[in-house]
Amino acid sequence: STMKARDEYASHAPVYVKIAPDLSLSEMEDVAAVVMETGIDGMIVSNTTNARPESLVSPNKREVGGLSGAPIKNRSTECIRTMYKLTNGTIPIIGVGGV
C-alpha cells in the first residue's frame, strides 16, 4: 500500500489525497472514511472541475479541461465544508481550485 511504502522509505513525507469538486456526497463519504481509516495525512479539496456552470459567460466556456477559480468558488467551498464535517475536523484540508 502507499502508506506502507511511505512508512518504509520516506516516513517523514506526508501523503495527501486530492479530490475534485465533481464527487457526489456518497463518494465524499467514502473518501472521508478511507482517509480516516488509513492514516492519510491530509486532503487537497476541490482542484478543478470538468463541469461548466450555466452561469459561465466566457467565450472559452466550451473548452475541454479543468475549470477553476471564481466560477467554482461556491462548489469548492461547499466541498471543503463537507469534507471537514465528514472527517470531524481531524484531517488537515488544503483548499484549492476556487478558493
C-alpha atoms as a PDB file:
ATOM      1  CA  SER A   1       0.000   0.000   0.000  1.00  0.00           C
ATOM      2  CA  THR A   2       1.012   3.621  -0.421  1.00  0.00           C
ATOM      3  CA  MET A   3       1.116   4.237   3.325  1.00  0.00           C
ATOM      4  CA  LYS A   4       3.256   1.156   3.938  1.00  0.00           C
ATOM      5  CA  ALA A   5       5.738   2.213   1.255  1.00  0.00           C
ATOM      6  CA  ARG A   6       5.850   5.746   2.636  1.00  0.00           C
ATOM      7  CA  ASP A   7       6.483   4.445   6.152  1.00  0.00           C
ATOM      8  CA  GLU A   8       9.268   2.190   4.914  1.00  0.00           C
ATOM      9  CA  TYR A   9      11.074   4.544   2.549  1.00  0.00           C
ATOM     10  CA  ALA A  10      10.141   8.118   3.468  1.00  0.00           C
ATOM     11  CA  SER A  11       8.424   8.194   6.833  1.00  0.00           C
ATOM     12  CA  HIS A  12       8.855  11.970   7.016  1.00  0.00           C
ATOM     13  CA  ALA A  13       6.909  12.589   3.784  1.00  0.00           C
ATOM     14  CA  PRO A  14       3.212  13.413   4.204  1.00  0.00           C
ATOM     15  CA  VAL A  15       0.640  11.753   1.955  1.00  0.00           C
ATOM     16  CA  TYR A  16      -2.324  13.806   0.750  1.00  0.00           C
ATOM     17  CA  VAL A  17      -5.368  12.775  -1.267  1.00  0.00           C
ATOM     18  CA  LYS A  18      -6.640  15.243  -3.866  1.00  0.00           C
ATOM     19  CA  ILE A  19     -10.327  15.232  -4.775  1.00  0.00           C
ATOM     20  CA  ALA A  20     -12.330  17.025  -7.441  1.00  0.00           C
ATOM     21  CA  PRO A  21     -15.455  19.070  -6.741  1.00  0.00           C
ATOM     22  CA  ASP A  22     -17.358  16.700  -9.052  1.00  0.00           C
ATOM     23  CA  LEU A  23     -17.741  13.998  -6.379  1.00  0.00           C
ATOM     24  CA  SER A  24     -21.198  13.144  -5.070  1.00  0.00           C
ATOM     25  CA  LEU A  25     -21.930  13.202  -1.346  1.00  0.00           C
ATOM     26  CA  SER A  26     -21.752   9.401  -1.296  1.00  0.00           C
ATOM     27  CA  GLU A  27     -18.328   9.470  -2.941  1.00  0.00           C
ATOM     28  CA  MET A  28     -17.112  12.131  -0.485  1.00  0.00           C
ATOM     29  CA  GLU A  29     -18.346   9.959   2.396  1.00  0.00           C
ATOM     30  CA  ASP A  30     -16.348   7.029   1.001  1.00  0.00           C
ATOM     31  CA  VAL A  31     -13.207   9.148   0.586  1.00  0.00           C
ATOM     32  CA  ALA A  32     -13.532  10.546   4.122  1.00  0.00           C
ATOM     33  CA  ALA A  33     -13.894   7.048   5.579  1.00  0.00           C
ATOM     34  CA  VAL A  34     -10.834   5.742   3.731  1.00  0.00           C
ATOM     35  CA  VAL A  35      -8.733   8.788   4.661  1.00  0.00           C
ATOM     36  CA  MET A  36      -9.591   8.381   8.324  1.00  0.00           C
ATOM     37  CA  GLU A  37      -9.083   4.592   8.327  1.00  0.00           C
ATOM     38  CA  THR A  38      -5.724   4.592   6.551  1.00  0.00           C
ATOM     39  CA  GLY A  39      -3.930   7.443   8.279  1.00  0.00           C
ATOM     40  CA  ILE A  40      -3.645   9.684   5.219  1.00  0.00           C
ATOM     41  CA  ASP A  41      -2.020  12.927   6.414  1.00  0.00           C
ATOM     42  CA  GLY A  42      -4.365  15.363   4.716  1.00  0.00           C
ATOM     43  CA  MET A  43      -6.591  16.244   1.806  1.00  0.00           C
ATOM     44  CA  ILE A  44      -6.396  18.669  -1.080  1.00  0.00           C
ATOM     45  CA  VAL A  45     -10.009  19.552  -1.706  1.00  0.00           C
ATOM     46  CA  SER A  46     -11.620  20.806  -4.874  1.00  0.00           C
ATOM     47  CA  ASN A  47      -8.878  21.067  -7.514  1.00  0.00           C
ATOM     48  CA  THR A  48     -10.575  21.605 -10.897  1.00  0.00           C
ATOM     49  CA  THR A  49     -13.880  20.536 -12.406  1.00  0.00           C
ATOM     50  CA  ASN A  50     -14.834  19.260 -15.833  1.00  0.00           C
ATOM     51  CA  ALA A  51     -18.316  20.722 -15.361  1.00  0.00           C
ATOM     52  CA  ARG A  52     -19.297  24.011 -16.927  1.00  0.00           C
ATOM     53  CA  PRO A  53     -21.757  26.052 -14.846  1.00  0.00           C
ATOM     54  CA  GLU A  54     -24.615  27.637 -16.782  1.00  0.00           C
ATOM     55  CA  SER A  55     -23.534  30.974 -15.315  1.00  0.00           C
ATOM     56  CA  LEU A  56     -20.194  30.792 -17.133  1.00  0.00           C
ATOM     57  CA  VAL A  57     -20.086  33.624 -19.682  1.00  0.00           C
ATOM     58  CA  SER A  58     -16.546  33.303 -21.015  1.00  0.00           C
ATOM     59  CA  PRO A  59     -16.231  32.834 -24.777  1.00  0.00           C
ATOM     60  CA  ASN A  60     -13.992  29.880 -23.863  1.00  0.00           C
ATOM     61  CA  LYS A  61     -16.670  28.114 -21.801  1.00  0.00           C
ATOM     62  CA  ARG A  62     -16.836  25.176 -24.223  1.00  0.00           C
ATOM     63  CA  GLU A  63     -13.126  24.363 -23.915  1.00  0.00           C
ATOM     64  CA  VAL A  64     -12.201  20.944 -22.607  1.00  0.00           C
ATOM     65  CA  GLY A  65     -10.178  20.675 -19.417  1.00  0.00           C
ATOM     66  CA  GLY A  66     -10.225  21.615 -15.789  1.00  0.00           C
ATOM     67  CA  LEU A  67     -12.040  24.738 -14.697  1.00  0.00           C
ATOM     68  CA  SER A  68     -11.002  26.535 -11.509  1.00  0.00           C
ATOM     69  CA  GLY A  69     -11.210  29.932  -9.905  1.00  0.00           C
ATOM     70  CA  ALA A  70     -14.228  32.157  -9.342  1.00  0.00           C
ATOM     71  CA  PRO A  71     -16.706  30.016 -11.359  1.00  0.00           C
ATOM     72  CA  ILE A  72     -16.334  27.130  -8.894  1.00  0.00           C
ATOM     73  CA  LYS A  73     -15.783  29.102  -5.695  1.00  0.00           C
ATOM     74  CA  ASN A  74     -19.142  28.167  -4.169  1.00  0.00           C
ATOM     75  CA  ARG A  75     -18.835  24.481  -5.054  1.00  0.00           C
ATOM     76  CA  SER A  76     -15.227  24.413  -3.852  1.00  0.00           C
ATOM     77  CA  THR A  77     -16.186  25.984  -0.520  1.00  0.00           C
ATOM     78  CA  GLU A  78     -19.081  23.534  -0.175  1.00  0.00           C
ATOM     79  CA  CYS A  79     -16.729  20.577  -0.763  1.00  0.00           C
ATOM     80  CA  ILE A  80     -14.266  21.857   1.835  1.00  0.00           C
ATOM     81  CA  ARG A  81     -17.075  22.334   4.361  1.00  0.00           C
ATOM     82  CA  THR A  82     -18.470  18.866   3.662  1.00  0.00           C
ATOM     83  CA  MET A  83     -15.105  17.102   3.938  1.00  0.00           C
ATOM     84  CA  TYR A  84     -14.357  18.959   7.177  1.00  0.00           C
ATOM     85  CA  LYS A  85     -17.641  17.725   8.642  1.00  0.00           C
ATOM     86  CA  LEU A  86     -17.185  14.174   7.338  1.00  0.00           C
ATOM     87  CA  THR A  87     -13.717  13.946   8.915  1.00  0.00           C
ATOM     88  CA  ASN A  88     -14.848  15.635  12.147  1.00  0.00           C
ATOM     89  CA  GLY A  89     -12.218  18.310  11.586  1.00  0.00           C
ATOM     90  CA  THR A  90      -9.446  15.802  12.314  1.00  0.00           C
ATOM     91  CA  ILE A  91      -7.786  15.800   8.880  1.00  0.00           C
ATOM     92  CA  PRO A  92      -5.881  18.838   7.547  1.00  0.00           C
ATOM     93  CA  ILE A  93      -7.515  20.238   4.418  1.00  0.00           C
ATOM     94  CA  ILE A  94      -5.840  22.371   1.777  1.00  0.00           C
ATOM     95  CA  GLY A  95      -8.463  24.218  -0.250  1.00  0.00           C
ATOM     96  CA  VAL A  96      -7.701  24.792  -3.943  1.00  0.00           C
ATOM     97  CA  GLY A  97      -9.474  25.319  -7.232  1.00  0.00           C
ATOM     98  CA  GLY A  98     -11.975  28.007  -6.416  1.00  0.00           C
ATOM     99  CA  VAL A  99     -10.834  29.370  -3.108  1.00  0.00           C
END
